[in-house]
Amino acid sequence: AGEVGLFNVVQAMNRFARNPNDDADFWQPAPLLAKLAAEGK
């Protein structure tokens, strides 16, 4: 995930959350993931 870039991981997850046949709640990024992505870590 770090190699892909956490920012990119979060973007993809936001996209999956819009899929009506998936589980939108699950794709809310974990707070730690969101925080690290926002800080570029």
PDB file of all heavy atoms in Angstrom:
ATOM      1  N   ALA A   1       0.842  -1.210   0.000  1.00  0.00           N
ATOM      2  CA  ALA A   1       0.000   0.000   0.000  1.00  0.00           C
ATOM      3  C   ALA A   1       0.872   1.254   0.000  1.00  0.00           C
ATOM      4  O   ALA A   1       0.566   2.243  -0.676  1.00  0.00           O
ATOM      5  CB  ALA A   1      -0.922  -0.002   1.214  1.00  0.00           C
ATOM      6  N   GLY A   2       1.981   1.204   0.745  1.00  0.00           N
ATOM      7  CA  GLY A   2       2.915   2.330   0.780  1.00  0.00           C
ATOM      8  C   GLY A   2       3.552   2.563  -0.576  1.00  0.00           C
ATOM      9  O   GLY A   2       3.775   3.705  -0.995  1.00  0.00           O
ATOM     10  N   GLU A   3       3.828   1.475  -1.292  1.00  0.00           N
ATOM     11  CA  GLU A   3       4.446   1.595  -2.627  1.00  0.00           C
ATOM     12  C   GLU A   3       3.461   2.196  -3.637  1.00  0.00           C
ATOM     13  O   GLU A   3       3.849   2.984  -4.491  1.00  0.00           O
ATOM     14  CB  GLU A   3       4.902   0.217  -3.113  1.00  0.00           C
ATOM     15  CG  GLU A   3       5.911  -0.426  -2.195  1.00  0.00           C
ATOM     16  CD  GLU A   3       7.104  -1.007  -2.934  1.00  0.00           C
ATOM     17  OE1 GLU A   3       6.881  -1.723  -3.918  1.00  0.00           O
ATOM     18  OE2 GLU A   3       8.243  -0.721  -2.525  1.00  0.00           O
ATOM     19  N   VAL A   4       2.193   1.786  -3.523  1.00  0.00           N
ATOM     20  CA  VAL A   4       1.158   2.328  -4.420  1.00  0.00           C
ATOM     21  C   VAL A   4       0.918   3.801  -4.073  1.00  0.00           C
ATOM     22  O   VAL A   4       0.575   4.617  -4.925  1.00  0.00           O
ATOM     23  CB  VAL A   4      -0.165   1.520  -4.252  1.00  0.00           C
ATOM     24  CG1 VAL A   4      -1.323   2.177  -4.978  1.00  0.00           C
ATOM     25  CG2 VAL A   4       0.022   0.097  -4.756  1.00  0.00           C
ATOM     26  N   GLY A   5       1.100   4.120  -2.793  1.00  0.00           N
ATOM     27  CA  GLY A   5       0.805   5.467  -2.280  1.00  0.00           C
ATOM     28  C   GLY A   5      -0.528   5.428  -1.555  1.00  0.00           C
ATOM     29  O   GLY A   5      -1.551   5.071  -2.153  1.00  0.00           O
ATOM     30  N   LEU A   6      -0.523   5.757  -0.254  1.00  0.00           N
ATOM     31  CA  LEU A   6      -1.764   5.653   0.529  1.00  0.00           C
ATOM     32  C   LEU A   6      -2.848   6.593   0.006  1.00  0.00           C
ATOM     33  O   LEU A   6      -4.031   6.287   0.092  1.00  0.00           O
ATOM     34  CB  LEU A   6      -1.494   5.911   2.017  1.00  0.00           C
ATOM     35  CG  LEU A   6      -0.517   4.944   2.710  1.00  0.00           C
ATOM     36  CD1 LEU A   6      -0.537   5.153   4.220  1.00  0.00           C
ATOM     37  CD2 LEU A   6      -0.836   3.486   2.398  1.00  0.00           C
ATOM     38  N   PHE A   7      -2.428   7.720  -0.562  1.00  0.00           N
ATOM     39  CA  PHE A   7      -3.404   8.650  -1.161  1.00  0.00           C
ATOM     40  C   PHE A   7      -4.175   7.925  -2.271  1.00  0.00           C
ATOM     41  O   PHE A   7      -5.406   8.007  -2.359  1.00  0.00           O
ATOM     42  CB  PHE A   7      -2.683   9.891  -1.718  1.00  0.00           C
ATOM     43  CG  PHE A   7      -3.601  10.819  -2.472  1.00  0.00           C
ATOM     44  CD1 PHE A   7      -4.404  11.730  -1.789  1.00  0.00           C
ATOM     45  CD2 PHE A   7      -3.684  10.772  -3.858  1.00  0.00           C
ATOM     46  CE1 PHE A   7      -5.266  12.575  -2.489  1.00  0.00           C
ATOM     47  CE2 PHE A   7      -4.544  11.618  -4.563  1.00  0.00           C
ATOM     48  CZ  PHE A   7      -5.330  12.527  -3.873  1.00  0.00           C
ATOM     49  N   ASN A   8      -3.445   7.184  -3.118  1.00  0.00           N
ATOM     50  CA  ASN A   8      -4.076   6.451  -4.231  1.00  0.00           C
ATOM     51  C   ASN A   8      -4.977   5.326  -3.725  1.00  0.00           C
ATOM     52  O   ASN A   8      -6.028   5.046  -4.310  1.00  0.00           O
ATOM     53  CB  ASN A   8      -3.002   5.867  -5.163  1.00  0.00           C
ATOM     54  CG  ASN A   8      -2.171   6.955  -5.804  1.00  0.00           C
ATOM     55  OD1 ASN A   8      -2.685   8.043  -6.071  1.00  0.00           O
ATOM     56  ND2 ASN A   8      -0.901   6.692  -6.033  1.00  0.00           N
ATOM     57  N   VAL A   9      -4.556   4.695  -2.631  1.00  0.00           N
ATOM     58  CA  VAL A   9      -5.367   3.624  -2.036  1.00  0.00           C
ATOM     59  C   VAL A   9      -6.707   4.204  -1.566  1.00  0.00           C
ATOM     60  O   VAL A   9      -7.779   3.649  -1.843  1.00  0.00           O
ATOM     61  CB  VAL A   9      -4.614   2.957  -0.845  1.00  0.00           C
ATOM     62  CG1 VAL A   9      -5.526   1.981  -0.103  1.00  0.00           C
ATOM     63  CG2 VAL A   9      -3.365   2.224  -1.344  1.00  0.00           C
ATOM     64  N   VAL A  10      -6.651   5.343  -0.882  1.00  0.00           N
ATOM     65  CA  VAL A  10      -7.872   5.987  -0.370  1.00  0.00           C
ATOM     66  C   VAL A  10      -8.782   6.411  -1.523  1.00  0.00           C
ATOM     67  O   VAL A  10     -10.005   6.230  -1.456  1.00  0.00           O
ATOM     68  CB  VAL A  10      -7.515   7.185   0.551  1.00  0.00           C
ATOM     69  CG1 VAL A  10      -8.735   8.035   0.851  1.00  0.00           C
ATOM     70  CG2 VAL A  10      -6.904   6.666   1.853  1.00  0.00           C
ATOM     71  N   GLN A  11      -8.199   6.940  -2.606  1.00  0.00           N
ATOM     72  CA  GLN A  11      -9.002   7.339  -3.785  1.00  0.00           C
ATOM     73  C   GLN A  11      -9.770   6.145  -4.342  1.00  0.00           C
ATOM     74  O   GLN A  11     -10.953   6.237  -4.663  1.00  0.00           O
ATOM     75  CB  GLN A  11      -8.099   7.914  -4.888  1.00  0.00           C
ATOM     76  CG  GLN A  11      -7.411   9.237  -4.552  1.00  0.00           C
ATOM     77  CD  GLN A  11      -8.424  10.340  -4.272  1.00  0.00           C
ATOM     78  OE1 GLN A  11      -8.720  10.644  -3.115  1.00  0.00           O
ATOM     79  NE2 GLN A  11      -8.971  10.918  -5.327  1.00  0.00           N
ATOM     80  N   ALA A  12      -9.056   5.002  -4.468  1.00  0.00           N
ATOM     81  CA  ALA A  12      -9.695   3.785  -5.002  1.00  0.00           C
ATOM     82  C   ALA A  12     -10.822   3.333  -4.071  1.00  0.00           C
ATOM     83  O   ALA A  12     -11.909   2.943  -4.518  1.00  0.00           O
ATOM     84  CB  ALA A  12      -8.653   2.674  -5.154  1.00  0.00           C
ATOM     85  N   MET A  13     -10.574   3.413  -2.754  1.00  0.00           N
ATOM     86  CA  MET A  13     -11.593   2.995  -1.788  1.00  0.00           C
ATOM     87  C   MET A  13     -12.837   3.870  -1.868  1.00  0.00           C
ATOM     88  O   MET A  13     -13.966   3.372  -1.782  1.00  0.00           O
ATOM     89  CB  MET A  13     -10.999   3.022  -0.373  1.00  0.00           C
ATOM     90  CG  MET A  13     -10.048   1.861  -0.118  1.00  0.00           C
ATOM     91  SD  MET A  13      -9.067   2.031   1.385  1.00  0.00           S
ATOM     92  CE  MET A  13     -10.340   2.185   2.598  1.00  0.00           C
ATOM     93  N   ASN A  14     -12.645   5.164  -2.065  1.00  0.00           N
ATOM     94  CA  ASN A  14     -13.793   6.075  -2.217  1.00  0.00           C
ATOM     95  C   ASN A  14     -14.617   5.699  -3.451  1.00  0.00           C
ATOM     96  O   ASN A  14     -15.844   5.787  -3.461  1.00  0.00           O
ATOM     97  CB  ASN A  14     -13.321   7.537  -2.323  1.00  0.00           C
ATOM     98  CG  ASN A  14     -12.729   8.024  -1.005  1.00  0.00           C
ATOM     99  OD1 ASN A  14     -13.036   7.490   0.058  1.00  0.00           O
ATOM    100  ND2 ASN A  14     -11.876   9.036  -1.062  1.00  0.00           N
ATOM    101  N   ARG A  15     -13.914   5.251  -4.487  1.00  0.00           N
ATOM    102  CA  ARG A  15     -14.585   4.815  -5.729  1.00  0.00           C
ATOM    103  C   ARG A  15     -15.411   3.556  -5.457  1.00  0.00           C
ATOM    104  O   ARG A  15     -16.561   3.451  -5.879  1.00  0.00           O
ATOM    105  CB  ARG A  15     -13.508   4.540  -6.783  1.00  0.00           C
ATOM    106  CG  ARG A  15     -13.933   4.730  -8.208  1.00  0.00           C
ATOM    107  CD  ARG A  15     -12.776   4.772  -9.179  1.00  0.00           C
ATOM    108  NE  ARG A  15     -11.926   3.603  -9.160  1.00  0.00           N
ATOM    109  CZ  ARG A  15     -10.630   3.620  -8.842  1.00  0.00           C
ATOM    110  NH1 ARG A  15     -10.043   4.757  -8.490  1.00  0.00           N
ATOM    111  NH2 ARG A  15      -9.906   2.521  -8.855  1.00  0.00           N
ATOM    112  N   PHE A  16     -14.823   2.588  -4.712  1.00  0.00           N
ATOM    113  CA  PHE A  16     -15.533   1.332  -4.418  1.00  0.00           C
ATOM    114  C   PHE A  16     -16.761   1.587  -3.542  1.00  0.00           C
ATOM    115  O   PHE A  16     -17.758   0.878  -3.641  1.00  0.00           O
ATOM    116  CB  PHE A  16     -14.603   0.322  -3.718  1.00  0.00           C
ATOM    117  CG  PHE A  16     -13.366  -0.032  -4.505  1.00  0.00           C
ATOM    118  CD1 PHE A  16     -12.170  -0.360  -3.856  1.00  0.00           C
ATOM    119  CD2 PHE A  16     -13.380  -0.046  -5.892  1.00  0.00           C
ATOM    120  CE1 PHE A  16     -11.035  -0.680  -4.575  1.00  0.00           C
ATOM    121  CE2 PHE A  16     -12.232  -0.366  -6.629  1.00  0.00           C
ATOM    122  CZ  PHE A  16     -11.059  -0.683  -5.964  1.00  0.00           C
ATOM    123  N   ALA A  17     -16.674   2.606  -2.688  1.00  0.00           N
ATOM    124  CA  ALA A  17     -17.795   2.916  -1.780  1.00  0.00           C
ATOM    125  C   ALA A  17     -19.034   3.361  -2.562  1.00  0.00           C
ATOM    126  O   ALA A  17     -20.155   3.271  -2.060  1.00  0.00           O
ATOM    127  CB  ALA A  17     -17.383   3.997  -0.784  1.00  0.00           C
ATOM    128  N   ARG A  18     -18.835   3.830  -3.807  1.00  0.00           N
ATOM    129  CA  ARG A  18     -19.977   4.298  -4.618  1.00  0.00           C
ATOM    130  C   ARG A  18     -20.669   3.156  -5.359  1.00  0.00           C
ATOM    131  O   ARG A  18     -21.683   3.352  -6.015  1.00  0.00           O
ATOM    132  CB  ARG A  18     -19.513   5.380  -5.614  1.00  0.00           C
ATOM    133  CG  ARG A  18     -19.060   6.664  -4.916  1.00  0.00           C
ATOM    134  CD  ARG A  18     -18.928   7.824  -5.890  1.00  0.00           C
ATOM    135  NE  ARG A  18     -17.812   7.681  -6.808  1.00  0.00           N
ATOM    136  CZ  ARG A  18     -16.553   8.101  -6.551  1.00  0.00           C
ATOM    137  NH1 ARG A  18     -16.279   8.681  -5.396  1.00  0.00           N
ATOM    138  NH2 ARG A  18     -15.600   7.941  -7.432  1.00  0.00           N
ATOM    139  N   ASN A  19     -20.104   1.946  -5.276  1.00  0.00           N
ATOM    140  CA  ASN A  19     -20.660   0.784  -5.972  1.00  0.00           C
ATOM    141  C   ASN A  19     -21.854   0.256  -5.162  1.00  0.00           C
ATOM    142  O   ASN A  19     -21.695  -0.197  -4.037  1.00  0.00           O
ATOM    143  CB  ASN A  19     -19.565  -0.288  -6.092  1.00  0.00           C
ATOM    144  CG  ASN A  19     -20.062  -1.608  -6.670  1.00  0.00           C
ATOM    145  OD1 ASN A  19     -21.254  -1.817  -6.876  1.00  0.00           O
ATOM    146  ND2 ASN A  19     -19.131  -2.512  -6.916  1.00  0.00           N
ATOM    147  N   PRO A  20     -23.074   0.302  -5.724  1.00  0.00           N
ATOM    148  CA  PRO A  20     -24.271  -0.087  -4.945  1.00  0.00           C
ATOM    149  C   PRO A  20     -24.290  -1.553  -4.520  1.00  0.00           C
ATOM    150  O   PRO A  20     -25.001  -1.920  -3.593  1.00  0.00           O
ATOM    151  CB  PRO A  20     -25.435   0.221  -5.896  1.00  0.00           C
ATOM    152  CG  PRO A  20     -24.830   0.226  -7.265  1.00  0.00           C
ATOM    153  CD  PRO A  20     -23.422   0.709  -7.104  1.00  0.00           C
ATOM    154  N   ASN A  21     -23.499  -2.409  -5.195  1.00  0.00           N
ATOM    155  CA  ASN A  21     -23.502  -3.838  -4.849  1.00  0.00           C
ATOM    156  C   ASN A  21     -22.390  -4.215  -3.877  1.00  0.00           C
ATOM    157  O   ASN A  21     -22.223  -5.384  -3.533  1.00  0.00           O
ATOM    158  CB  ASN A  21     -23.386  -4.690  -6.124  1.00  0.00           C
ATOM    159  CG  ASN A  21     -24.563  -4.457  -7.042  1.00  0.00           C
ATOM    160  OD1 ASN A  21     -25.706  -4.474  -6.592  1.00  0.00           O
ATOM    161  ND2 ASN A  21     -24.303  -4.204  -8.320  1.00  0.00           N
ATOM    162  N   ASP A  22     -21.600  -3.233  -3.463  1.00  0.00           N
ATOM    163  CA  ASP A  22     -20.511  -3.477  -2.516  1.00  0.00           C
ATOM    164  C   ASP A  22     -20.983  -3.029  -1.131  1.00  0.00           C
ATOM    165  O   ASP A  22     -22.155  -2.720  -0.931  1.00  0.00           O
ATOM    166  CB  ASP A  22     -19.259  -2.713  -2.968  1.00  0.00           C
ATOM    167  CG  ASP A  22     -17.964  -3.294  -2.402  1.00  0.00           C
ATOM    168  OD1 ASP A  22     -18.000  -3.865  -1.300  1.00  0.00           O
ATOM    169  OD2 ASP A  22     -16.909  -3.155  -3.058  1.00  0.00           O
ATOM    170  N   ASP A  23     -20.068  -2.982  -0.166  1.00  0.00           N
ATOM    171  CA  ASP A  23     -20.393  -2.571   1.198  1.00  0.00           C
ATOM    172  C   ASP A  23     -19.756  -1.198   1.434  1.00  0.00           C
ATOM    173  O   ASP A  23     -18.584  -1.104   1.785  1.00  0.00           O
ATOM    174  CB  ASP A  23     -19.850  -3.624   2.177  1.00  0.00           C
ATOM    175  CG  ASP A  23     -20.152  -3.291   3.628  1.00  0.00           C
ATOM    176  OD1 ASP A  23     -20.682  -2.189   3.885  1.00  0.00           O
ATOM    177  OD2 ASP A  23     -19.846  -4.117   4.507  1.00  0.00           O
ATOM    178  N   ALA A  24     -20.542  -0.144   1.236  1.00  0.00           N
ATOM    179  CA  ALA A  24     -20.015   1.233   1.306  1.00  0.00           C
ATOM    180  C   ALA A  24     -19.395   1.539   2.667  1.00  0.00           C
ATOM    181  O   ALA A  24     -18.361   2.203   2.753  1.00  0.00           O
ATOM    182  CB  ALA A  24     -21.130   2.232   1.001  1.00  0.00           C
ATOM    183  N   ASP A  25     -20.000   1.027   3.740  1.00  0.00           N
ATOM    184  CA  ASP A  25     -19.477   1.302   5.090  1.00  0.00           C
ATOM    185  C   ASP A  25     -18.054   0.781   5.254  1.00  0.00           C
ATOM    186  O   ASP A  25     -17.202   1.433   5.852  1.00  0.00           O
ATOM    187  CB  ASP A  25     -20.364   0.651   6.166  1.00  0.00           C
ATOM    188  CG  ASP A  25     -21.687   1.392   6.316  1.00  0.00           C
ATOM    189  OD1 ASP A  25     -21.788   2.529   5.805  1.00  0.00           O
ATOM    190  OD2 ASP A  25     -22.625   0.834   6.912  1.00  0.00           O
ATOM    191  N   PHE A  26     -17.822  -0.425   4.717  1.00  0.00           N
ATOM    192  CA  PHE A  26     -16.483  -1.006   4.871  1.00  0.00           C
ATOM    193  C   PHE A  26     -15.417  -0.144   4.202  1.00  0.00           C
ATOM    194  O   PHE A  26     -14.294  -0.044   4.674  1.00  0.00           O
ATOM    195  CB  PHE A  26     -16.408  -2.437   4.304  1.00  0.00           C
ATOM    196  CG  PHE A  26     -14.985  -2.947   4.266  1.00  0.00           C
ATOM    197  CD1 PHE A  26     -14.327  -3.276   5.439  1.00  0.00           C
ATOM    198  CD2 PHE A  26     -14.276  -3.016   3.067  1.00  0.00           C
ATOM    199  CE1 PHE A  26     -12.992  -3.686   5.424  1.00  0.00           C
ATOM    200  CE2 PHE A  26     -12.946  -3.426   3.040  1.00  0.00           C
ATOM    201  CZ  PHE A  26     -12.306  -3.772   4.227  1.00  0.00           C
ATOM    202  N   TRP A  27     -15.786   0.490   3.074  1.00  0.00           N
ATOM    203  CA  TRP A  27     -14.782   1.245   2.313  1.00  0.00           C
ATOM    204  C   TRP A  27     -14.510   2.639   2.886  1.00  0.00           C
ATOM    205  O   TRP A  27     -13.761   3.403   2.306  1.00  0.00           O
ATOM    206  CB  TRP A  27     -15.174   1.325   0.838  1.00  0.00           C
ATOM    207  CG  TRP A  27     -14.982   0.018   0.122  1.00  0.00           C
ATOM    208  CD1 TRP A  27     -15.929  -0.717  -0.509  1.00  0.00           C
ATOM    209  CD2 TRP A  27     -13.748  -0.706  -0.052  1.00  0.00           C
ATOM    210  NE1 TRP A  27     -15.384  -1.852  -1.053  1.00  0.00           N
ATOM    211  CE2 TRP A  27     -14.040  -1.867  -0.795  1.00  0.00           C
ATOM    212  CE3 TRP A  27     -12.425  -0.488   0.355  1.00  0.00           C
ATOM    213  CZ2 TRP A  27     -13.079  -2.814  -1.136  1.00  0.00           C
ATOM    214  CZ3 TRP A  27     -11.460  -1.434   0.023  1.00  0.00           C
ATOM    215  CH2 TRP A  27     -11.781  -2.576  -0.718  1.00  0.00           C
ATOM    216  N   GLN A  28     -15.120   2.992   4.027  1.00  0.00           N
ATOM    217  CA  GLN A  28     -14.696   4.229   4.704  1.00  0.00           C
ATOM    218  C   GLN A  28     -13.278   3.973   5.190  1.00  0.00           C
ATOM    219  O   GLN A  28     -13.059   3.044   5.970  1.00  0.00           O
ATOM    220  CB  GLN A  28     -15.605   4.531   5.919  1.00  0.00           C
ATOM    221  CG  GLN A  28     -17.046   4.831   5.552  1.00  0.00           C
ATOM    222  CD  GLN A  28     -17.165   5.873   4.446  1.00  0.00           C
ATOM    223  OE1 GLN A  28     -16.587   6.945   4.532  1.00  0.00           O
ATOM    224  NE2 GLN A  28     -17.908   5.537   3.404  1.00  0.00           N
ATOM    225  N   PRO A  29     -12.281   4.755   4.744  1.00  0.00           N
ATOM    226  CA  PRO A  29     -10.897   4.469   5.157  1.00  0.00           C
ATOM    227  C   PRO A  29     -10.763   4.485   6.682  1.00  0.00           C
ATOM    228  O   PRO A  29     -11.346   5.331   7.351  1.00  0.00           O
ATOM    229  CB  PRO A  29     -10.096   5.617   4.528  1.00  0.00           C
ATOM    230  CG  PRO A  29     -10.941   6.100   3.395  1.00  0.00           C
ATOM    231  CD  PRO A  29     -12.366   5.907   3.827  1.00  0.00           C
ATOM    232  N   ALA A  30     -10.026   3.509   7.213  1.00  0.00           N
ATOM    233  CA  ALA A  30      -9.737   3.484   8.654  1.00  0.00           C
ATOM    234  C   ALA A  30      -9.090   4.820   9.015  1.00  0.00           C
ATOM    235  O   ALA A  30      -8.287   5.351   8.228  1.00  0.00           O
ATOM    236  CB  ALA A  30      -8.781   2.338   8.963  1.00  0.00           C
ATOM    237  N   PRO A  31      -9.423   5.413  10.190  1.00  0.00           N
ATOM    238  CA  PRO A  31      -8.868   6.722  10.564  1.00  0.00           C
ATOM    239  C   PRO A  31      -7.338   6.811  10.416  1.00  0.00           C
ATOM    240  O   PRO A  31      -6.822   7.809   9.932  1.00  0.00           O
ATOM    241  CB  PRO A  31      -9.297   6.885  12.021  1.00  0.00           C
ATOM    242  CG  PRO A  31     -10.572   6.097  12.114  1.00  0.00           C
ATOM    243  CD  PRO A  31     -10.397   4.927  11.189  1.00  0.00           C
ATOM    244  N   LEU A  32      -6.637   5.731  10.790  1.00  0.00           N
ATOM    245  CA  LEU A  32      -5.165   5.741  10.669  1.00  0.00           C
ATOM    246  C   LEU A  32      -4.741   5.851   9.204  1.00  0.00           C
ATOM    247  O   LEU A  32      -3.834   6.621   8.865  1.00  0.00           O
ATOM    248  CB  LEU A  32      -4.588   4.466  11.295  1.00  0.00           C
ATOM    249  CG  LEU A  32      -3.066   4.288  11.146  1.00  0.00           C
ATOM    250  CD1 LEU A  32      -2.302   5.341  11.940  1.00  0.00           C
ATOM    251  CD2 LEU A  32      -2.630   2.887  11.587  1.00  0.00           C
ATOM    252  N   LEU A  33      -5.417   5.108   8.334  1.00  0.00           N
ATOM    253  CA  LEU A  33      -5.109   5.141   6.902  1.00  0.00           C
ATOM    254  C   LEU A  33      -5.384   6.535   6.337  1.00  0.00           C
ATOM    255  O   LEU A  33      -4.553   7.110   5.621  1.00  0.00           O
ATOM    256  CB  LEU A  33      -5.950   4.080   6.175  1.00  0.00           C
ATOM    257  CG  LEU A  33      -5.913   4.065   4.638  1.00  0.00           C
ATOM    258  CD1 LEU A  33      -4.494   3.967   4.108  1.00  0.00           C
ATOM    259  CD2 LEU A  33      -6.747   2.904   4.094  1.00  0.00           C
ATOM    260  N   ALA A  34      -6.532   7.114   6.679  1.00  0.00           N
ATOM    261  CA  ALA A  34      -6.901   8.452   6.192  1.00  0.00           C
ATOM    262  C   ALA A  34      -5.875   9.494   6.647  1.00  0.00           C
ATOM    263  O   ALA A  34      -5.444  10.353   5.869  1.00  0.00           O
ATOM    264  CB  ALA A  34      -8.292   8.820   6.686  1.00  0.00           C
ATOM    265  N   LYS A  35      -5.460   9.392   7.916  1.00  0.00           N
ATOM    266  CA  LYS A  35      -4.512  10.351   8.498  1.00  0.00           C
ATOM    267  C   LYS A  35      -3.148  10.262   7.794  1.00  0.00           C
ATOM    268  O   LYS A  35      -2.575  11.272   7.376  1.00  0.00           O
ATOM    269  CB  LYS A  35      -4.361  10.039   9.994  1.00  0.00           C
ATOM    270  CG  LYS A  35      -3.386  10.936  10.756  1.00  0.00           C
ATOM    271  CD  LYS A  35      -3.395  10.555  12.246  1.00  0.00           C
ATOM    272  CE  LYS A  35      -2.354  11.293  13.044  1.00  0.00           C
ATOM    273  NZ  LYS A  35      -0.966  10.823  12.781  1.00  0.00           N
ATOM    274  N   LEU A  36      -2.638   9.022   7.637  1.00  0.00           N
ATOM    275  CA  LEU A  36      -1.325   8.840   6.992  1.00  0.00           C
ATOM    276  C   LEU A  36      -1.370   9.285   5.531  1.00  0.00           C
ATOM    277  O   LEU A  36      -0.426   9.902   5.028  1.00  0.00           O
ATOM    278  CB  LEU A  36      -0.875   7.383   7.078  1.00  0.00           C
ATOM    279  CG  LEU A  36      -0.544   6.850   8.485  1.00  0.00           C
ATOM    280  CD1 LEU A  36      -0.273   5.359   8.450  1.00  0.00           C
ATOM    281  CD2 LEU A  36       0.655   7.575   9.081  1.00  0.00           C
ATOM    282  N   ALA A  37      -2.494   8.992   4.855  1.00  0.00           N
ATOM    283  CA  ALA A  37      -2.639   9.396   3.436  1.00  0.00           C
ATOM    284  C   ALA A  37      -2.614  10.924   3.325  1.00  0.00           C
ATOM    285  O   ALA A  37      -1.957  11.483   2.443  1.00  0.00           O
ATOM    286  CB  ALA A  37      -3.938   8.822   2.866  1.00  0.00           C
ATOM    287  N   ALA A  38      -3.320  11.588   4.240  1.00  0.00           N
ATOM    288  CA  ALA A  38      -3.387  13.054   4.207  1.00  0.00           C
ATOM    289  C   ALA A  38      -2.013  13.679   4.483  1.00  0.00           C
ATOM    290  O   ALA A  38      -1.674  14.734   3.945  1.00  0.00           O
ATOM    291  CB  ALA A  38      -4.388  13.551   5.256  1.00  0.00           C
ATOM    292  N   GLU A  39      -1.200  12.971   5.289  1.00  0.00           N
ATOM    293  CA  GLU A  39       0.140  13.513   5.635  1.00  0.00           C
ATOM    294  C   GLU A  39       1.208  13.049   4.667  1.00  0.00           C
ATOM    295  O   GLU A  39       2.376  13.375   4.829  1.00  0.00           O
ATOM    296  CB  GLU A  39       0.510  13.065   7.066  1.00  0.00           C
ATOM    297  CG  GLU A  39      -0.365  13.694   8.153  1.00  0.00           C
ATOM    298  CD  GLU A  39      -0.181  13.016   9.516  1.00  0.00           C
ATOM    299  OE1 GLU A  39       0.599  12.031   9.604  1.00  0.00           O
ATOM    300  OE2 GLU A  39      -0.810  13.477  10.485  1.00  0.00           O
ATOM    301  N   GLY A  40       0.814  12.249   3.678  1.00  0.00           N
ATOM    302  CA  GLY A  40       1.788  11.742   2.704  1.00  0.00           C
ATOM    303  C   GLY A  40       2.766  10.740   3.295  1.00  0.00           C
ATOM    304  O   GLY A  40       3.888  10.589   2.834  1.00  0.00           O
ATOM    305  N   LYS A  41       2.332  10.034   4.350  1.00  0.00           N
ATOM    306  CA  LYS A  41       3.213   9.070   5.026  1.00  0.00           C
ATOM    307  C   LYS A  41       2.845   7.628   4.669  1.00  0.00           C
ATOM    308  O   LYS A  41       1.869   7.390   3.960  1.00  0.00           O
ATOM    309  CB  LYS A  41       3.110   9.254   6.548  1.00  0.00           C
ATOM    310  CG  LYS A  41       3.718  10.537   7.056  1.00  0.00           C
ATOM    311  CD  LYS A  41       3.607  10.614   8.561  1.00  0.00           C
ATOM    312  CE  LYS A  41       4.239  11.919   9.074  1.00  0.00           C
ATOM    313  NZ  LYS A  41       3.807  12.165  10.476  1.00  0.00           N
TER     314      LYS A  41
END
